[in-house]
Amino acid sequence: MPGAFLHPFAKPTREHFITIVRGEGSLVWDADGNELVDAMASLWYCQVGHGRKEIADAVAAQIGAIEAYSCFDPFTNAPADALAERIAALTPIPGARVFFAGSGSEAVDSAMKLARLAHVQAGHPERRLIISRVRGYHGTNYGGTSAQGLPLNKHGYGELLADVVQVPSDDIEALSLLMAERSHELAAVITEPIQGAAGVFPPVDGYLAEARRLCDQHGALLIFDEVITGFGRLGTWFAADHYGVTPDMTTFAKGVTSGYQPLGGVIVGRKVADALEADTDFILRHGYTYSGHPAACAGALANLDIIEREGLLTEVKRLGARLEGGLRALEADGVVDHVRGDIAIFGVQLHDGHNAMTVRDRMLELGVITRAIGTETLTFCPPFVTTDEQIDRIVDVLAGALAEVAHT
């Protein structure tokens, strides 16, 4: 019989799971003592690696002073204030403010609400339409589920949000046509700079820049969902820097704390902030119990300290190049169908006949954690502290597992 814990993204009937008990750097150990290379940074988020006592101590010190207190009017706390200032200084969005949530899913829903609300406050309540892309993953709350371009993740939940529609992922003409047809209704376009959870799909050349131009042309806001790419995954603080395109809002989570505490949020640019600030009597009636949670913010500050002090934005480029070199060699040898990705996040498309779940399971037995997307893709997103030996082990284990697993 299954246990009491109903696991996310798993079969409810599954009875046996791998119990992870300890981590250090890019290694984790299960309850049976098996050592595993974490080639997924857990779930796209552990930038600085596992077992960082500095972050644990920062969180513990804050809890020792006060574990949490509401940031609803009229309260605040020093870690939340400091983290907001620090993120605002890191983003390419000028004059930004930062709204805190507890997760990426909450961040996406917040950004969607803020986009519509900003238009209301600016005198355009008719601007409700939010456009997203096929293959997009925007969390699992109702707003993000509505914006998802992954049909299986929407199945069974009934009617989702109105005025949220998807366009083909890489078809800028389809986006342009829809925006022209419904220009007066547009609130926002939301997109991942790299579509991650769908299997790692970088943007086609010029797509993000053209989306920016179209939003400016039609009076829509551009939202980058950087829950995966934010805080260094592409060797810059944000994918917006890497691709040279500045959005109006950015959602974040995951890497802001490297997963040491749950924290997410929205970087809010001036188009939105100005609309919200224009009426001094206006009250923002949106927020969460744990918005600005001081222990989570203290963990984030310590995490950002480590990324800066250890030069991990540079290091991630080096380890990513080594990983890409290994994966491209497998592609060149015909071991895999093809490789997609950028800097330090990759998807490997398997040949027809190989089952990604079967290969994933064999890789686990051989000591490497990857993630299977559907039946044909494996993804790789290692911590920024992964060693050369561990990178080579990831590639070797992938090749070995593919050689061993029958084409079924």
Protein backbone atom coordinates (compact mmCIF):
# COMPACT_ATOMS: atom_id res chain seq x y z
CA MET A 1 0.00 0.00 0.00
CA PRO A 2 1.21 3.53 -0.71
CA GLY A 3 2.24 5.63 2.28
CA ALA A 4 0.41 8.69 3.60
CA PHE A 5 2.58 11.09 1.56
CA LEU A 6 0.84 11.81 -1.75
CA HIS A 7 3.83 12.62 -3.95
CA PRO A 8 3.85 15.35 -6.60
CA PHE A 9 4.22 14.35 -10.25
CA ALA A 10 4.14 10.65 -9.39
CA LYS A 11 1.71 7.76 -9.71
CA PRO A 12 -0.49 7.80 -6.57
CA THR A 13 -0.19 4.00 -6.48
CA ARG A 14 3.61 3.96 -6.31
CA GLU A 15 4.79 2.32 -3.09
CA HIS A 16 8.57 2.67 -3.15
CA PHE A 17 10.64 5.84 -3.47
CA ILE A 18 14.35 6.63 -3.12
CA THR A 19 14.92 8.34 0.23
CA ILE A 20 17.58 11.04 -0.01
CA VAL A 21 19.21 11.63 3.37
CA ARG A 22 22.32 13.76 2.85
CA GLY A 23 24.07 16.00 0.35
CA GLU A 24 27.44 17.63 -0.18
CA GLY A 25 28.31 19.70 -3.22
CA SER A 26 26.93 17.91 -6.26
CA LEU A 27 26.61 14.57 -4.49
CA VAL A 28 23.68 13.15 -2.54
CA TRP A 29 23.28 9.88 -0.67
CA ASP A 30 20.21 7.72 -0.25
CA ALA A 31 19.11 5.80 2.83
CA ASP A 32 20.94 2.70 1.59
CA GLY A 33 24.24 4.58 1.40
CA ASN A 34 24.36 4.87 -2.37
CA GLU A 35 26.21 7.91 -3.70
CA LEU A 36 24.55 9.78 -6.57
CA VAL A 37 25.77 12.65 -8.74
CA ASP A 38 22.97 15.21 -8.79
CA ALA A 39 22.91 16.16 -12.47
CA MET A 40 19.60 18.01 -12.01
CA ALA A 41 20.46 20.33 -9.08
CA SER A 42 17.53 18.54 -7.43
CA LEU A 43 14.79 20.15 -9.53
CA TRP A 44 16.68 22.83 -11.48
CA TYR A 45 17.51 24.85 -8.36
CA CYS A 46 20.55 23.94 -6.24
CA GLN A 47 23.02 26.43 -7.72
CA VAL A 48 25.61 26.39 -4.92
CA GLY A 49 25.41 22.68 -4.15
CA HIS A 50 24.18 20.78 -1.14
CA GLY A 51 25.36 20.96 2.46
CA ARG A 52 26.28 24.65 2.65
CA LYS A 53 26.58 25.31 6.36
CA GLU A 54 26.81 29.07 5.75
CA ILE A 55 23.23 29.13 4.48
CA ALA A 56 22.01 26.85 7.25
CA ASP A 57 23.62 29.10 9.83
CA ALA A 58 22.07 32.24 8.31
CA VAL A 59 18.61 30.67 8.40
CA ALA A 60 19.13 29.36 11.94
CA ALA A 61 20.33 32.74 13.18
CA GLN A 62 17.24 34.45 11.78
CA ILE A 63 14.94 31.82 13.28
CA GLY A 64 16.75 32.30 16.57
CA ALA A 65 15.89 35.99 16.50
CA ILE A 66 12.37 35.61 15.09
CA GLU A 67 11.27 32.86 12.77
CA ALA A 68 8.79 34.96 10.78
CA TYR A 69 6.33 37.79 10.97
CA SER A 70 3.76 39.01 8.49
CA CYS A 71 4.79 41.69 5.99
CA PHE A 72 1.22 42.84 5.50
CA ASP A 73 0.77 46.55 6.26
CA PRO A 74 2.29 47.96 8.47
CA PHE A 75 5.12 45.43 9.00
CA THR A 76 8.40 44.51 7.34
CA ASN A 77 11.69 42.85 8.25
CA ALA A 78 15.34 43.58 7.52
CA PRO A 79 16.17 40.45 5.46
CA ALA A 80 13.21 41.03 3.11
CA ASP A 81 14.13 44.69 2.67
CA ALA A 82 17.79 43.83 2.04
CA LEU A 83 17.00 41.04 -0.41
CA ALA A 84 14.58 43.19 -2.39
CA GLU A 85 17.24 45.90 -2.74
CA ARG A 86 19.83 43.36 -3.78
CA ILE A 87 17.66 41.70 -6.42
CA ALA A 88 16.60 45.10 -7.76
CA ALA A 89 20.29 45.94 -8.18
CA LEU A 90 21.01 42.67 -10.03
CA THR A 91 18.15 42.78 -12.53
CA PRO A 92 18.47 44.57 -15.88
CA ILE A 93 14.99 46.01 -15.31
CA PRO A 94 15.55 49.67 -14.34
CA GLY A 95 13.92 51.07 -11.23
CA ALA A 96 12.50 47.69 -10.28
CA ARG A 97 10.63 46.71 -7.15
CA VAL A 98 10.34 43.16 -5.81
CA PHE A 99 7.23 41.30 -4.67
CA PHE A 100 7.87 38.13 -2.66
CA ALA A 101 5.95 34.86 -2.82
CA GLY A 102 6.67 31.37 -1.60
CA SER A 103 7.25 29.51 -4.87
CA GLY A 104 7.58 29.82 -8.60
CA SER A 105 3.94 28.88 -9.08
CA GLU A 106 2.89 31.70 -6.75
CA ALA A 107 5.26 34.03 -8.55
CA VAL A 108 3.68 33.30 -11.94
CA ASP A 109 0.14 33.76 -10.63
CA SER A 110 1.25 37.02 -9.01
CA ALA A 111 2.77 38.31 -12.24
CA MET A 112 -0.38 37.48 -14.18
CA LYS A 113 -2.54 39.26 -11.61
CA LEU A 114 -0.22 42.26 -11.48
CA ALA A 115 -0.25 42.54 -15.27
CA ARG A 116 -4.03 42.74 -15.39
CA LEU A 117 -4.19 44.98 -12.32
CA ALA A 118 -1.68 47.45 -13.77
CA HIS A 119 -3.85 47.91 -16.83
CA VAL A 120 -6.92 48.43 -14.63
CA GLN A 121 -5.08 51.06 -12.61
CA ALA A 122 -3.95 52.72 -15.84
CA GLY A 123 -7.57 52.99 -16.99
CA HIS A 124 -7.69 50.00 -19.34
CA PRO A 125 -9.68 47.20 -17.66
CA GLU A 126 -10.37 45.68 -21.09
CA ARG A 127 -6.73 44.58 -21.28
CA ARG A 128 -7.05 41.08 -19.82
CA LEU A 129 -5.60 38.79 -22.49
CA ILE A 130 -2.45 36.91 -21.50
CA ILE A 131 -0.57 35.01 -24.19
CA SER A 132 1.82 32.15 -23.50
CA ARG A 133 3.62 29.62 -25.70
CA VAL A 134 3.08 25.95 -26.46
CA ARG A 135 5.63 23.89 -24.46
CA GLY A 136 5.66 26.55 -21.74
CA TYR A 137 5.68 25.48 -18.11
CA HIS A 138 4.52 28.11 -15.64
CA GLY A 139 3.91 26.20 -12.42
CA THR A 140 0.83 24.40 -11.20
CA ASN A 141 -1.40 27.01 -9.56
CA TYR A 142 -4.50 27.89 -11.53
CA GLY A 143 -3.00 30.89 -13.29
CA GLY A 144 0.17 29.07 -14.29
CA THR A 145 -1.78 25.96 -15.24
CA SER A 146 -3.94 28.12 -17.50
CA ALA A 147 -0.80 29.54 -19.12
CA GLN A 148 0.85 26.17 -19.57
CA GLY A 149 1.55 24.89 -23.04
CA LEU A 150 1.81 21.28 -21.82
CA PRO A 151 -1.64 19.73 -22.34
CA LEU A 152 -1.19 16.76 -19.99
CA ASN A 153 -0.58 19.13 -17.06
CA LYS A 154 -3.95 20.81 -17.73
CA HIS A 155 -6.02 17.66 -18.04
CA GLY A 156 -8.71 16.96 -15.47
CA TYR A 157 -8.82 20.32 -13.70
CA GLY A 158 -11.94 21.68 -15.31
CA GLU A 159 -12.38 25.18 -16.60
CA LEU A 160 -9.22 27.25 -16.28
CA LEU A 161 -8.74 31.03 -16.46
CA ALA A 162 -10.47 32.88 -19.25
CA ASP A 163 -8.47 35.10 -21.60
CA VAL A 164 -5.30 33.03 -21.34
CA VAL A 165 -4.26 31.51 -24.67
CA GLN A 166 -1.25 29.76 -26.19
CA VAL A 167 0.50 30.26 -29.53
CA PRO A 168 2.91 27.84 -31.26
CA SER A 169 6.18 27.94 -29.42
CA ASP A 170 8.66 29.18 -32.04
CA ASP A 171 6.25 30.86 -34.45
CA ILE A 172 6.73 34.60 -34.07
CA GLU A 173 4.29 35.20 -36.92
CA ALA A 174 1.53 33.42 -34.99
CA LEU A 175 2.25 35.62 -31.98
CA SER A 176 2.29 38.74 -34.14
CA LEU A 177 -1.01 37.83 -35.82
CA LEU A 178 -2.82 37.15 -32.55
CA MET A 179 -1.50 40.35 -31.00
CA ALA A 180 -2.66 42.34 -34.01
CA GLU A 181 -6.11 40.74 -33.96
CA ARG A 182 -6.66 41.37 -30.26
CA SER A 183 -4.40 44.36 -29.69
CA HIS A 184 -6.87 46.33 -27.57
CA GLU A 185 -7.38 43.34 -25.22
CA LEU A 186 -3.72 42.56 -24.55
CA ALA A 187 -2.43 42.54 -21.00
CA ALA A 188 0.80 40.54 -21.28
CA VAL A 189 2.91 37.94 -23.01
CA ILE A 190 4.56 35.44 -20.66
CA THR A 191 7.41 33.20 -21.73
CA GLU A 192 10.33 31.25 -20.36
CA PRO A 193 13.49 32.53 -22.07
CA ILE A 194 14.49 28.85 -22.29
CA GLN A 195 11.56 26.47 -22.07
CA GLY A 196 12.88 24.17 -19.36
CA ALA A 197 10.41 21.65 -18.02
CA ALA A 198 9.22 20.77 -21.53
CA GLY A 199 12.66 19.33 -22.23
CA VAL A 200 14.98 22.36 -22.61
CA PHE A 201 14.20 24.39 -25.72
CA PRO A 202 16.26 27.58 -26.19
CA PRO A 203 14.60 30.44 -28.07
CA VAL A 204 14.98 30.60 -31.83
CA ASP A 205 17.19 33.47 -32.95
CA GLY A 206 15.49 36.82 -32.53
CA TYR A 207 12.31 35.47 -30.94
CA LEU A 208 12.64 37.22 -27.58
CA ALA A 209 13.68 40.53 -29.13
CA GLU A 210 10.73 40.42 -31.51
CA ALA A 211 8.36 39.56 -28.65
CA ARG A 212 9.68 42.64 -26.86
CA ARG A 213 9.06 44.79 -29.94
CA LEU A 214 5.53 43.44 -30.39
CA CYS A 215 4.67 44.10 -26.75
CA ASP A 216 5.86 47.68 -27.08
CA GLN A 217 3.90 48.09 -30.31
CA HIS A 218 0.64 46.80 -28.82
CA GLY A 219 0.90 48.17 -25.29
CA ALA A 220 1.33 44.75 -23.68
CA LEU A 221 3.66 43.80 -20.84
CA LEU A 222 6.42 41.25 -21.38
CA ILE A 223 6.88 38.75 -18.54
CA PHE A 224 9.92 36.49 -18.41
CA ASP A 225 9.40 33.35 -16.35
CA GLU A 226 12.93 32.89 -15.00
CA VAL A 227 12.12 30.41 -12.26
CA ILE A 228 14.70 28.05 -13.81
CA THR A 229 17.07 30.46 -15.56
CA GLY A 230 17.26 33.13 -12.88
CA PHE A 231 20.28 33.54 -10.59
CA GLY A 232 23.03 32.27 -12.80
CA ARG A 233 21.97 29.24 -14.83
CA LEU A 234 23.12 30.90 -18.07
CA GLY A 235 26.24 32.49 -16.59
CA THR A 236 24.47 35.81 -15.99
CA TRP A 237 22.19 36.75 -13.14
CA PHE A 238 19.19 36.51 -15.45
CA ALA A 239 18.49 35.14 -18.92
CA ALA A 240 17.40 38.67 -19.79
CA ASP A 241 21.09 39.65 -19.56
CA HIS A 242 22.22 36.63 -21.56
CA TYR A 243 19.81 37.26 -24.43
CA GLY A 244 19.93 41.05 -24.25
CA VAL A 245 16.16 41.51 -23.90
CA THR A 246 14.63 43.32 -20.91
CA PRO A 247 11.13 42.32 -19.78
CA ASP A 248 8.63 44.36 -17.76
CA MET A 249 8.40 41.70 -15.06
CA THR A 250 10.47 38.65 -14.14
CA THR A 251 9.27 35.73 -12.05
CA PHE A 252 11.88 33.94 -9.94
CA ALA A 253 12.23 31.18 -7.35
CA LYS A 254 14.47 28.07 -7.21
CA GLY A 255 18.01 29.49 -7.56
CA VAL A 256 17.39 32.54 -5.38
CA THR A 257 17.93 30.32 -2.32
CA SER A 258 19.41 27.26 -4.08
CA GLY A 259 16.46 25.47 -2.55
CA TYR A 260 17.61 25.91 1.02
CA GLN A 261 14.33 27.66 1.76
CA PRO A 262 11.16 28.00 -0.34
CA LEU A 263 11.04 31.48 -1.84
CA GLY A 264 9.80 33.06 -5.04
CA GLY A 265 8.76 36.42 -6.32
CA VAL A 266 8.26 38.92 -9.10
CA ILE A 267 10.65 41.63 -10.20
CA VAL A 268 8.30 44.48 -11.09
CA GLY A 269 9.37 47.08 -13.64
CA ARG A 270 8.29 50.69 -13.80
CA LYS A 271 5.40 50.21 -16.24
CA VAL A 272 3.66 48.11 -13.61
CA ALA A 273 4.98 49.91 -10.53
CA ASP A 274 4.05 53.34 -11.87
CA ALA A 275 0.47 52.20 -12.49
CA LEU A 276 0.19 50.79 -8.97
CA GLU A 277 1.75 53.86 -7.37
CA ALA A 278 -0.24 56.49 -9.32
CA ASP A 279 -3.15 56.48 -6.87
CA THR A 280 -1.85 57.06 -3.35
CA ASP A 281 -5.07 55.63 -1.88
CA PHE A 282 -4.77 52.35 -3.81
CA ILE A 283 -4.15 49.20 -1.76
CA LEU A 284 -2.51 46.15 -3.36
CA ARG A 285 -4.90 43.42 -2.27
CA HIS A 286 -2.62 40.54 -3.15
CA GLY A 287 -0.04 38.68 -1.10
CA TYR A 288 0.76 35.53 0.82
CA THR A 289 1.18 34.64 4.47
CA TYR A 290 4.88 34.05 3.84
CA SER A 291 5.57 36.98 1.48
CA GLY A 292 8.94 38.30 2.63
CA HIS A 293 9.51 35.41 5.09
CA PRO A 294 12.63 36.58 6.97
CA ALA A 295 14.27 33.15 7.36
CA ALA A 296 13.83 32.41 3.65
CA CYS A 297 15.19 35.85 2.75
CA ALA A 298 18.18 35.36 5.07
CA GLY A 299 18.92 32.09 3.26
CA ALA A 300 18.69 33.85 -0.10
CA LEU A 301 21.13 36.56 0.97
CA ALA A 302 23.65 33.95 2.09
CA ASN A 303 23.15 32.05 -1.17
CA LEU A 304 23.80 35.18 -3.26
CA ASP A 305 26.90 35.89 -1.17
CA ILE A 306 28.29 32.47 -2.10
CA ILE A 307 27.53 32.87 -5.80
CA GLU A 308 29.34 36.21 -5.85
CA ARG A 309 32.26 35.31 -3.57
CA GLU A 310 33.09 32.06 -5.36
CA GLY A 311 32.68 33.47 -8.86
CA LEU A 312 30.07 30.88 -9.74
CA LEU A 313 28.63 32.85 -12.66
CA THR A 314 31.97 32.28 -14.36
CA GLU A 315 32.37 28.74 -13.10
CA VAL A 316 28.98 27.66 -14.43
CA LYS A 317 30.07 28.61 -17.95
CA ARG A 318 33.18 26.44 -17.64
CA LEU A 319 31.39 23.38 -16.29
CA GLY A 320 28.58 23.88 -18.79
CA ALA A 321 31.05 23.91 -21.67
CA ARG A 322 32.53 20.63 -20.43
CA LEU A 323 29.07 19.07 -20.10
CA GLU A 324 28.03 20.28 -23.53
CA GLY A 325 31.25 18.94 -25.04
CA GLY A 326 30.56 15.51 -23.64
CA LEU A 327 26.94 15.47 -24.73
CA ARG A 328 27.79 16.77 -28.21
CA ALA A 329 30.35 13.98 -28.56
CA LEU A 330 27.59 11.44 -27.91
CA GLU A 331 25.47 13.23 -30.50
CA ALA A 332 28.31 13.15 -33.03
CA ASP A 333 28.83 9.43 -32.41
CA GLY A 334 25.13 8.74 -32.98
CA VAL A 335 24.56 7.61 -29.40
CA VAL A 336 21.74 10.13 -28.98
CA ASP A 337 19.52 11.83 -31.54
CA HIS A 338 20.40 15.41 -30.65
CA VAL A 339 21.26 17.82 -27.84
CA ARG A 340 19.49 21.10 -27.00
CA GLY A 341 20.47 23.74 -24.50
CA ASP A 342 22.61 26.69 -23.55
CA ILE A 343 25.47 27.35 -21.08
CA ALA A 344 24.58 24.86 -18.28
CA ILE A 345 21.12 23.48 -19.01
CA PHE A 346 20.61 20.74 -21.60
CA GLY A 347 18.05 18.36 -22.97
CA VAL A 348 19.13 15.15 -24.69
CA GLN A 349 16.73 13.73 -27.25
CA LEU A 350 17.00 9.94 -27.42
CA HIS A 351 16.65 7.83 -30.53
CA ASP A 352 13.31 6.22 -31.24
CA GLY A 353 13.16 2.97 -29.32
CA HIS A 354 14.98 4.20 -26.23
CA ASN A 355 12.63 4.98 -23.36
CA ALA A 356 13.73 7.93 -21.24
CA MET A 357 12.24 6.54 -18.03
CA THR A 358 14.06 3.24 -18.49
CA VAL A 359 17.34 5.03 -19.18
CA ARG A 360 16.78 7.32 -16.19
CA ASP A 361 16.28 4.33 -13.90
CA ARG A 362 19.43 2.61 -15.16
CA MET A 363 21.40 5.83 -14.65
CA LEU A 364 20.15 5.95 -11.07
CA GLU A 365 21.44 2.42 -10.56
CA LEU A 366 24.79 3.57 -11.98
CA GLY A 367 24.93 6.59 -9.66
CA VAL A 368 23.65 9.63 -11.63
CA ILE A 369 20.38 11.53 -11.25
CA THR A 370 18.79 12.87 -14.41
CA ARG A 371 15.18 13.77 -15.22
CA ALA A 372 13.06 12.05 -17.84
CA ILE A 373 10.68 14.29 -19.80
CA GLY A 374 8.08 12.16 -21.52
CA THR A 375 9.55 9.08 -23.15
CA GLU A 376 12.22 10.65 -25.35
CA THR A 377 14.13 13.34 -23.42
CA LEU A 378 16.59 13.42 -20.52
CA THR A 379 17.55 16.74 -18.94
CA PHE A 380 20.72 17.92 -17.24
CA CYS A 381 21.07 20.96 -14.97
CA PRO A 382 23.98 20.38 -12.56
CA PRO A 383 24.91 22.57 -9.58
CA PHE A 384 27.44 25.29 -10.28
CA VAL A 385 30.02 23.51 -8.09
CA THR A 386 30.04 20.24 -10.04
CA THR A 387 33.61 18.99 -10.57
CA ASP A 388 35.15 17.97 -13.87
CA GLU A 389 35.23 14.36 -12.71
CA GLN A 390 31.54 14.49 -11.87
CA ILE A 391 30.68 16.06 -15.24
CA ASP A 392 32.60 13.29 -17.01
CA ARG A 393 30.83 10.71 -14.86
CA ILE A 394 27.44 12.10 -15.89
CA VAL A 395 28.32 11.74 -19.58
CA ASP A 396 29.92 8.30 -19.16
CA VAL A 397 26.95 6.96 -17.19
CA LEU A 398 24.54 8.27 -19.83
CA ALA A 399 26.50 6.53 -22.56
CA GLY A 400 26.77 3.34 -20.53
CA ALA A 401 23.08 3.26 -19.67
CA LEU A 402 22.10 3.78 -23.32
CA ALA A 403 24.39 0.94 -24.35
CA GLU A 404 22.91 -1.39 -21.74
CA VAL A 405 19.21 -0.61 -22.01
CA ALA A 406 17.39 -2.51 -24.71
CA HIS A 407 15.51 -0.56 -27.36
CA THR A 408 11.97 -1.23 -26.17
